[in-house]
Amino acid sequence: MVELDVKIEANDLYDYMLRHSYNSAVGIIGSCFGALVLLLAVMVKQWVYLVFGLIILLYLPWTLFFRSRRQVLGNPSFQQPLHYVLDDQGLSISQGEDSVQYPWEEMRKAVSTGRSIILYTSPVNATIFPKRQMEDQKSAVIEMISTHMPAAKVKIRN
């Protein structure tokens, strides 16, 4: 069993949003389209295409940056730490009087970024474990996830 307390900050949420967005079809298509417009700008030497391409490429990270800050400031659940318990049954999340449990069978996938380990509980919802707050429990969390989830669903880099 692994227990830890985590306070999700705006940078943690931004990291999750970036990873989630750029690994979706919309994020990939948008990035490819923006890159193609930049390539077109170089080929035809028109600054208008350069500006348009940069807007396309920078729009998503810019909006996600501000959305993450607004969400952390405006959502009361981000104001207090979350208490996580990972055990053989699954993941338990509690905060104050509220508690929710997710069995391992319901976990969609586990991924990592440079800053976080992300455990998806639905196609769009996830539990974020910021690496900077995990300290010496990072390897225990990774081991618990890897032990209880099929290898095909776990894409965590150390």
Protein backbone atom coordinates (compact mmCIF):
# COMPACT_ATOMS: atom_id res chain seq x y z
CA MET A 1 0.00 0.00 0.00
CA VAL A 2 1.21 3.49 -0.90
CA GLU A 3 -0.23 6.65 0.64
CA LEU A 4 0.55 10.20 -0.36
CA ASP A 5 -0.89 13.68 -0.16
CA VAL A 6 -0.78 15.87 -3.26
CA LYS A 7 -1.81 19.45 -3.86
CA ILE A 8 -2.46 19.97 -7.55
CA GLU A 9 -1.08 23.30 -8.75
CA ALA A 10 -1.62 25.12 -12.04
CA ASN A 11 1.63 23.79 -13.55
CA ASP A 12 0.60 20.21 -12.74
CA LEU A 13 -2.76 20.69 -14.42
CA TYR A 14 -1.12 22.44 -17.40
CA ASP A 15 1.27 19.50 -17.84
CA TYR A 16 -1.69 17.08 -17.88
CA MET A 17 -3.68 19.26 -20.30
CA LEU A 18 -0.74 19.56 -22.71
CA ARG A 19 -0.11 15.83 -22.72
CA HIS A 20 -3.78 15.01 -23.11
CA SER A 21 -4.37 17.57 -25.89
CA TYR A 22 -1.30 16.80 -27.97
CA ASN A 23 -1.98 13.08 -27.83
CA SER A 24 -5.49 13.47 -29.21
CA ALA A 25 -6.47 13.60 -32.87
CA VAL A 26 -7.30 17.32 -32.69
CA GLY A 27 -3.91 18.19 -31.18
CA ILE A 28 -1.98 16.13 -33.70
CA ILE A 29 -3.94 17.45 -36.70
CA GLY A 30 -3.64 21.04 -35.46
CA SER A 31 0.11 20.73 -35.00
CA CYS A 32 0.58 19.16 -38.42
CA PHE A 33 -1.57 21.83 -40.05
CA GLY A 34 0.35 24.62 -38.31
CA ALA A 35 3.67 23.08 -39.38
CA LEU A 36 2.43 22.80 -42.97
CA VAL A 37 1.40 26.46 -42.98
CA LEU A 38 4.88 27.40 -41.71
CA LEU A 39 6.44 25.27 -44.44
CA LEU A 40 4.21 27.01 -46.98
CA ALA A 41 5.36 30.38 -45.61
CA VAL A 42 8.99 29.43 -46.23
CA MET A 43 8.24 28.12 -49.73
CA VAL A 44 6.26 31.15 -50.95
CA LYS A 45 8.09 33.69 -48.77
CA GLN A 46 4.89 35.29 -47.47
CA TRP A 47 4.96 36.60 -43.90
CA VAL A 48 1.16 36.28 -43.64
CA TYR A 49 1.46 32.49 -43.74
CA LEU A 50 4.23 32.65 -41.17
CA VAL A 51 2.02 34.61 -38.77
CA PHE A 52 -0.96 32.34 -39.43
CA GLY A 53 1.17 29.20 -38.84
CA LEU A 54 2.55 30.57 -35.58
CA ILE A 55 -0.95 31.45 -34.37
CA ILE A 56 -2.12 27.92 -35.12
CA LEU A 57 0.85 26.35 -33.31
CA LEU A 58 0.77 28.64 -30.27
CA TYR A 59 -3.00 28.89 -29.74
CA LEU A 60 -3.47 25.56 -27.95
CA PRO A 61 -0.62 25.80 -25.41
CA TRP A 62 -1.50 29.45 -24.73
CA THR A 63 -5.16 28.72 -24.03
CA LEU A 64 -4.34 25.64 -21.97
CA PHE A 65 -1.94 27.70 -19.86
CA PHE A 66 -4.64 30.21 -18.94
CA ARG A 67 -7.35 27.55 -18.57
CA SER A 68 -5.21 25.59 -16.08
CA ARG A 69 -4.63 28.69 -13.96
CA ARG A 70 -8.29 29.68 -14.03
CA GLN A 71 -9.38 26.15 -13.15
CA VAL A 72 -6.99 25.84 -10.20
CA LEU A 73 -7.99 29.24 -8.83
CA GLY A 74 -11.72 28.75 -9.36
CA ASN A 75 -12.23 25.12 -8.36
CA PRO A 76 -12.40 24.52 -4.59
CA SER A 77 -11.14 20.93 -4.95
CA PHE A 78 -7.71 22.28 -5.99
CA GLN A 79 -7.39 24.42 -2.85
CA GLN A 80 -6.65 21.54 -0.47
CA PRO A 81 -4.40 18.50 -0.83
CA LEU A 82 -5.83 15.22 -2.08
CA HIS A 83 -5.05 12.05 -0.14
CA TYR A 84 -4.25 9.08 -2.39
CA VAL A 85 -4.09 5.43 -1.34
CA LEU A 86 -2.93 2.85 -3.86
CA ASP A 87 -3.45 -0.74 -2.71
CA ASP A 88 -4.31 -4.15 -4.14
CA GLN A 89 -7.95 -3.12 -4.67
CA GLY A 90 -7.24 0.08 -6.60
CA LEU A 91 -6.94 3.80 -6.06
CA SER A 92 -8.75 5.69 -3.28
CA ILE A 93 -8.90 9.47 -3.40
CA SER A 94 -10.15 11.49 -0.46
CA GLN A 95 -10.38 15.14 0.41
CA GLY A 96 -12.12 16.26 3.56
CA GLU A 97 -15.38 14.32 3.86
CA ASP A 98 -15.44 13.21 0.20
CA SER A 99 -13.95 9.93 -0.96
CA VAL A 100 -13.97 7.96 -4.20
CA GLN A 101 -12.51 4.58 -5.12
CA TYR A 102 -11.42 3.26 -8.50
CA PRO A 103 -10.69 -0.46 -8.89
CA TRP A 104 -7.66 -1.33 -11.02
CA GLU A 105 -9.93 -2.93 -13.63
CA GLU A 106 -11.51 0.48 -14.36
CA MET A 107 -8.19 2.24 -15.00
CA ARG A 108 -7.84 3.17 -18.65
CA LYS A 109 -4.07 3.78 -18.88
CA ALA A 110 -1.06 5.12 -17.02
CA VAL A 111 1.43 7.49 -18.65
CA SER A 112 4.20 9.78 -17.57
CA THR A 113 5.54 13.16 -18.56
CA GLY A 114 8.68 14.86 -17.39
CA ARG A 115 6.73 16.32 -14.48
CA SER A 116 3.97 13.84 -13.62
CA ILE A 117 2.62 10.33 -13.58
CA ILE A 118 -0.91 10.38 -14.93
CA LEU A 119 -3.42 7.62 -14.20
CA TYR A 120 -6.50 7.86 -16.45
CA THR A 121 -9.76 6.88 -14.75
CA SER A 122 -11.85 7.69 -17.85
CA PRO A 123 -11.05 8.86 -21.40
CA VAL A 124 -10.83 12.49 -20.21
CA ASN A 125 -10.40 12.32 -16.41
CA ALA A 126 -7.17 11.43 -14.70
CA THR A 127 -5.36 11.39 -11.42
CA ILE A 128 -2.18 13.44 -11.49
CA PHE A 129 0.82 12.48 -9.37
CA PRO A 130 3.32 15.36 -9.63
CA LYS A 131 6.82 13.87 -9.40
CA ARG A 132 8.15 16.79 -7.34
CA GLN A 133 5.63 15.99 -4.57
CA MET A 134 6.15 12.22 -4.59
CA GLU A 135 9.76 12.32 -3.33
CA ASP A 136 10.82 8.80 -2.33
CA GLN A 137 7.41 7.25 -3.11
CA LYS A 138 7.71 7.62 -6.89
CA SER A 139 9.12 4.14 -7.46
CA ALA A 140 6.52 2.59 -5.12
CA VAL A 141 3.70 4.29 -7.06
CA ILE A 142 5.14 3.12 -10.39
CA GLU A 143 5.54 -0.41 -9.05
CA MET A 144 1.97 -0.47 -7.70
CA ILE A 145 0.56 0.72 -11.05
CA SER A 146 2.73 -1.65 -13.10
CA THR A 147 1.82 -4.61 -10.88
CA HIS A 148 -1.94 -4.12 -11.07
CA MET A 149 -2.46 -2.90 -14.63
CA PRO A 150 -1.82 -4.77 -17.88
CA ALA A 151 1.55 -3.86 -19.41
CA ALA A 152 -0.16 -2.60 -22.60
CA LYS A 153 -1.90 0.11 -20.58
CA VAL A 154 1.23 1.35 -18.78
CA LYS A 155 3.55 3.79 -20.54
CA ILE A 156 5.61 5.21 -17.69
CA ARG A 157 9.20 6.35 -18.14
CA ASN A 158 11.45 6.71 -15.13
